[in-house]
Amino acid sequence: MKILVCMKQVPQKDAPLKLNEQATWVREDVGYEVNEPDAYALEAALQLKEKNGGEVVVISAGPARAQQVLREALAKGADRAIHLEDDRFVTLDAFNIARSFAEAIKDESFDLVFTGLQSDDYGYAQTGVLLAELLGWAHATIIMQIEPKDGGIRVKRELESGFFQYVEMPLPSVLTIQSGINKLRYATLIGIKQAKNKPLRKVTYDEVAAALKPNQLTIEKLYVPVKTKQTEVITGAPGEVAKKLVAKLRDELRVL
């Protein structure tokens, strides 16, 4: 079974927020790490490979620093990597990232594509769904369990209120993996050494540019919310105070 895992490098959770000069994203001198939901997708792929055999390939788009995410995945057990390397990939929306991935893997035959539930930075949860549509493959989200069947797979999806759904799907398919379904492994020393010799194919922006279209989503400006504090004293008889308080909660704060 040949599995592709889409991974992303995101700003560290505890990194101070530093906006760039255009106030459209964070600066490059902020610390970066692997997107945690994608780490669970990688672990799911590695476990499926260990049980059933096959190959795990990881792919990411971004500047040169994003290669660290791929090297970590290779050290944990992925077989090879594909890096769409260019600073311009950071400016693309989810649709164009999906188009870039689809173009980069058009000459390969994968059985499954895994993505994390969403990214820790944008949180759109769109790339996997859009990639499935572009490839013309079946797709399922919030996957808790994957079981190979003859000619396909059976997956367990998490629904609301503690309910689950079991779905039989054909191959190839795209799956969005739920976070927290497995225990993430650490890279071993031998795995780190072996990662240096594993194949990493680089794809330039120009190689996928023909498949791209104008962004449908553009960030105009980011800003850090200003903390404010305001105290208002409501006076009067208890009944009158209660009416004024309810009116403010309902009409001004809109919490009722």
Protein backbone atom coordinates (compact mmCIF):
# COMPACT_ATOMS: atom_id res chain seq x y z
CA MET A 1 0.00 0.00 0.00
CA LYS A 2 1.44 3.34 -1.09
CA ILE A 3 0.51 6.25 1.20
CA LEU A 4 1.17 9.96 0.78
CA VAL A 5 1.11 12.13 3.91
CA CYS A 6 0.66 15.89 3.51
CA MET A 7 2.59 17.81 6.16
CA LYS A 8 3.03 21.47 7.02
CA GLN A 9 5.49 23.55 8.99
CA VAL A 10 3.78 26.06 11.29
CA PRO A 11 4.92 28.65 13.87
CA GLN A 12 5.65 27.16 17.26
CA LYS A 13 2.74 27.35 19.68
CA ASP A 14 4.78 29.20 22.29
CA ALA A 15 6.55 31.48 19.80
CA PRO A 16 5.92 35.21 20.26
CA LEU A 17 3.74 36.61 17.49
CA LYS A 18 5.84 38.81 15.22
CA LEU A 19 4.05 40.21 12.19
CA ASN A 20 5.91 40.88 8.97
CA GLU A 21 6.23 44.34 7.44
CA GLN A 22 3.04 43.90 5.41
CA ALA A 23 1.10 42.66 8.48
CA THR A 24 -0.09 39.68 6.43
CA TRP A 25 1.77 36.88 8.24
CA VAL A 26 4.43 36.19 10.84
CA ARG A 27 8.10 36.92 10.33
CA GLU A 28 10.67 34.34 9.32
CA ASP A 29 12.65 34.71 12.55
CA VAL A 30 9.85 33.05 14.53
CA GLY A 31 10.43 29.45 15.61
CA TYR A 32 8.73 26.78 13.45
CA GLU A 33 7.68 23.17 14.03
CA VAL A 34 5.68 20.37 12.44
CA ASN A 35 1.92 20.86 12.38
CA GLU A 36 0.72 18.57 15.19
CA PRO A 37 -2.39 17.18 13.41
CA ASP A 38 -0.14 16.16 10.51
CA ALA A 39 2.09 14.27 12.95
CA TYR A 40 -0.91 12.07 13.81
CA ALA A 41 -1.55 11.50 10.11
CA LEU A 42 2.06 10.41 9.68
CA GLU A 43 1.83 8.04 12.65
CA ALA A 44 -1.35 6.49 11.22
CA ALA A 45 0.40 5.93 7.89
CA LEU A 46 3.48 4.39 9.52
CA GLN A 47 1.36 2.01 11.60
CA LEU A 48 -0.60 0.96 8.50
CA LYS A 49 2.68 0.31 6.67
CA GLU A 50 4.06 -1.75 9.56
CA LYS A 51 0.96 -3.97 9.58
CA ASN A 52 0.41 -4.33 5.83
CA GLY A 53 3.66 -3.33 4.13
CA GLY A 54 4.08 -0.68 1.47
CA GLU A 55 5.61 2.77 1.25
CA VAL A 56 5.04 6.05 3.09
CA VAL A 57 5.87 9.27 1.24
CA VAL A 58 5.68 12.71 2.86
CA ILE A 59 5.09 15.98 1.01
CA SER A 60 5.27 19.61 2.09
CA ALA A 61 5.26 23.05 0.45
CA GLY A 62 7.19 26.04 1.68
CA PRO A 63 10.61 27.69 1.89
CA ALA A 64 13.87 25.87 2.57
CA ARG A 65 13.17 25.75 6.32
CA ALA A 66 10.14 23.48 5.68
CA GLN A 67 12.55 20.68 4.81
CA GLN A 68 13.00 20.14 8.55
CA VAL A 69 9.44 18.75 8.74
CA LEU A 70 10.23 16.24 6.01
CA ARG A 71 13.54 15.21 7.60
CA GLU A 72 11.76 14.55 10.89
CA ALA A 73 9.21 12.38 9.09
CA LEU A 74 11.96 10.44 7.33
CA ALA A 75 13.70 9.90 10.66
CA LYS A 76 10.49 8.45 12.10
CA GLY A 77 10.14 5.93 9.29
CA ALA A 78 8.83 7.55 6.11
CA ASP A 79 10.55 6.17 3.02
CA ARG A 80 11.00 9.31 0.93
CA ALA A 81 9.91 12.92 0.68
CA ILE A 82 8.73 15.53 -1.82
CA HIS A 83 9.44 19.19 -1.10
CA LEU A 84 7.74 21.95 -3.06
CA GLU A 85 10.39 24.50 -2.22
CA ASP A 86 9.79 28.22 -2.70
CA ASP A 87 8.89 31.16 -0.48
CA ARG A 88 5.87 31.83 -2.70
CA PHE A 89 4.09 28.68 -1.51
CA VAL A 90 3.52 30.44 1.83
CA THR A 91 1.29 33.00 0.09
CA LEU A 92 -1.00 30.43 -1.57
CA ASP A 93 -4.48 29.62 -0.26
CA ALA A 94 -5.65 26.07 0.47
CA PHE A 95 -7.03 25.57 -3.03
CA ASN A 96 -3.72 26.40 -4.68
CA ILE A 97 -1.75 24.30 -2.21
CA ALA A 98 -4.02 21.39 -3.13
CA ARG A 99 -3.46 22.16 -6.82
CA SER A 100 0.31 22.22 -6.21
CA PHE A 101 0.23 18.82 -4.50
CA ALA A 102 -1.96 17.31 -7.21
CA GLU A 103 0.41 18.55 -9.89
CA ALA A 104 3.50 17.33 -8.04
CA ILE A 105 2.18 13.75 -7.69
CA LYS A 106 0.49 13.43 -11.08
CA ASP A 107 3.07 10.88 -12.26
CA GLU A 108 2.75 8.69 -9.15
CA SER A 109 0.11 6.15 -8.15
CA PHE A 110 -0.88 6.38 -4.50
CA ASP A 111 -3.47 4.21 -2.80
CA LEU A 112 -4.12 6.64 0.04
CA VAL A 113 -3.46 10.27 0.87
CA PHE A 114 -3.49 11.29 4.55
CA THR A 115 -3.79 14.81 5.90
CA GLY A 116 -4.09 16.13 9.44
CA LEU A 117 -7.41 17.38 10.74
CA GLN A 118 -6.37 21.01 10.18
CA SER A 119 -3.34 23.27 10.43
CA ASP A 120 -2.40 24.89 13.73
CA ASP A 121 -1.92 28.27 12.05
CA TYR A 122 -4.79 28.87 9.59
CA GLY A 123 -7.07 26.08 10.82
CA TYR A 124 -9.11 25.97 7.60
CA ALA A 125 -9.28 22.12 7.36
CA GLN A 126 -9.67 22.45 3.58
CA THR A 127 -6.56 21.11 1.86
CA GLY A 128 -7.43 17.41 2.11
CA VAL A 129 -11.00 17.86 0.90
CA LEU A 130 -9.91 20.06 -1.99
CA LEU A 131 -7.12 17.66 -2.98
CA ALA A 132 -9.61 14.78 -3.09
CA GLU A 133 -11.88 16.79 -5.39
CA LEU A 134 -8.98 17.69 -7.71
CA LEU A 135 -7.85 14.07 -7.88
CA GLY A 136 -11.40 12.79 -8.29
CA TRP A 137 -11.00 10.42 -5.33
CA ALA A 138 -13.30 9.45 -2.50
CA HIS A 139 -12.74 11.34 0.74
CA ALA A 140 -13.63 10.98 4.41
CA THR A 141 -12.85 13.21 7.39
CA ILE A 142 -12.14 12.79 11.11
CA ILE A 143 -10.85 9.24 10.73
CA MET A 144 -10.27 7.22 13.90
CA GLN A 145 -9.42 3.81 12.45
CA ILE A 146 -8.47 2.30 9.08
CA GLU A 147 -8.87 -1.36 8.16
CA PRO A 148 -7.81 -2.69 4.75
CA LYS A 149 -10.44 -4.72 2.90
CA ASP A 150 -10.40 -6.54 -0.43
CA GLY A 151 -9.97 -3.79 -2.99
CA GLY A 152 -10.62 -1.00 -0.50
CA ILE A 153 -10.70 0.08 3.14
CA ARG A 154 -13.14 0.33 6.03
CA VAL A 155 -12.81 3.47 8.15
CA LYS A 156 -14.22 4.64 11.45
CA ARG A 157 -15.30 8.30 11.58
CA GLU A 158 -15.93 10.33 14.71
CA LEU A 159 -19.27 12.14 14.75
CA GLU A 160 -20.88 14.47 17.28
CA SER A 161 -22.14 13.48 20.75
CA GLY A 162 -19.93 10.41 21.02
CA PHE A 163 -21.28 8.67 17.91
CA PHE A 164 -19.17 6.94 15.25
CA GLN A 165 -19.73 6.02 11.63
CA TYR A 166 -18.22 3.06 9.75
CA VAL A 167 -17.75 3.55 6.02
CA GLU A 168 -16.37 1.25 3.33
CA MET A 169 -14.35 3.16 0.75
CA PRO A 170 -12.61 2.32 -2.52
CA LEU A 171 -8.97 2.91 -3.32
CA PRO A 172 -7.54 5.39 -3.97
CA SER A 173 -8.96 7.66 -1.27
CA VAL A 174 -8.04 10.77 0.72
CA LEU A 175 -8.46 10.63 4.50
CA THR A 176 -8.36 13.40 7.09
CA ILE A 177 -6.96 11.85 10.27
CA GLN A 178 -8.33 12.81 13.69
CA SER A 179 -5.78 14.19 16.15
CA GLY A 180 -5.00 12.17 19.26
CA ILE A 181 -5.98 8.75 17.88
CA ASN A 182 -2.48 7.33 18.38
CA LYS A 183 0.67 7.85 20.39
CA LEU A 184 3.29 9.78 18.46
CA ARG A 185 6.66 8.10 18.16
CA TYR A 186 10.05 9.72 18.60
CA ALA A 187 12.75 9.50 15.97
CA THR A 188 15.48 7.05 16.95
CA LEU A 189 19.19 7.78 16.59
CA ILE A 190 19.51 5.25 13.79
CA GLY A 191 16.41 6.71 12.14
CA ILE A 192 17.96 10.18 12.19
CA LYS A 193 21.10 8.82 10.55
CA GLN A 194 19.16 6.91 7.91
CA ALA A 195 17.04 9.98 7.09
CA LYS A 196 20.09 11.72 5.65
CA ASN A 197 20.34 9.10 2.89
CA LYS A 198 16.64 8.78 2.05
CA PRO A 199 15.39 10.31 -1.23
CA LEU A 200 14.02 13.85 -1.11
CA ARG A 201 12.70 15.17 -4.41
CA LYS A 202 12.50 18.92 -4.79
CA VAL A 203 9.78 20.52 -6.91
CA THR A 204 10.12 24.15 -7.95
CA TYR A 205 7.34 26.71 -8.08
CA ASP A 206 7.65 26.91 -11.86
CA GLU A 207 7.00 23.18 -12.21
CA VAL A 208 3.51 23.53 -10.71
CA ALA A 209 2.74 27.14 -11.70
CA ALA A 210 0.66 26.10 -14.71
CA ALA A 211 -1.84 24.39 -12.40
CA LEU A 212 -2.30 27.41 -10.14
CA LYS A 213 -5.01 30.05 -10.28
CA PRO A 214 -5.54 33.36 -8.46
CA ASN A 215 -6.05 32.90 -4.74
CA GLN A 216 -9.71 32.76 -3.73
CA LEU A 217 -8.81 33.72 -0.18
CA THR A 218 -6.45 36.56 0.66
CA ILE A 219 -5.36 37.86 4.05
CA GLU A 220 -5.44 41.64 3.93
CA LYS A 221 -4.14 42.38 7.41
CA LEU A 222 -3.32 40.72 10.71
CA TYR A 223 -3.16 42.49 14.05
CA VAL A 224 -2.68 41.69 17.70
CA PRO A 225 -5.89 42.40 19.67
CA VAL A 226 -5.56 45.25 22.12
CA LYS A 227 -6.40 44.31 25.69
CA THR A 228 -8.86 46.72 27.26
CA LYS A 229 -10.64 46.86 30.60
CA GLN A 230 -13.79 48.78 31.39
CA THR A 231 -15.83 48.79 34.60
CA GLU A 232 -19.40 50.04 34.77
CA VAL A 233 -21.37 50.31 37.99
CA ILE A 234 -25.15 49.83 37.76
CA THR A 235 -27.03 51.61 40.52
CA GLY A 236 -30.67 51.64 41.64
CA ALA A 237 -33.16 49.34 43.28
CA PRO A 238 -32.47 45.58 42.99
CA GLY A 239 -35.27 45.02 40.48
CA GLU A 240 -34.14 47.94 38.33
CA VAL A 241 -30.50 46.83 38.47
CA ALA A 242 -31.50 43.31 37.39
CA LYS A 243 -33.44 44.65 34.38
CA LYS A 244 -30.51 46.88 33.32
CA LEU A 245 -28.05 43.99 33.69
CA VAL A 246 -30.19 41.63 31.61
CA ALA A 247 -30.60 44.32 28.92
CA LYS A 248 -26.82 44.81 28.69
CA LEU A 249 -26.11 41.08 28.56
CA ARG A 250 -28.74 40.64 25.84
CA ASP A 251 -28.38 43.77 23.71
CA GLU A 252 -24.75 44.87 24.15
CA LEU A 253 -22.77 41.73 24.98
CA ARG A 254 -25.20 39.35 23.23
CA VAL A 255 -24.57 36.47 25.61
CA LEU A 256 -28.27 35.82 26.26
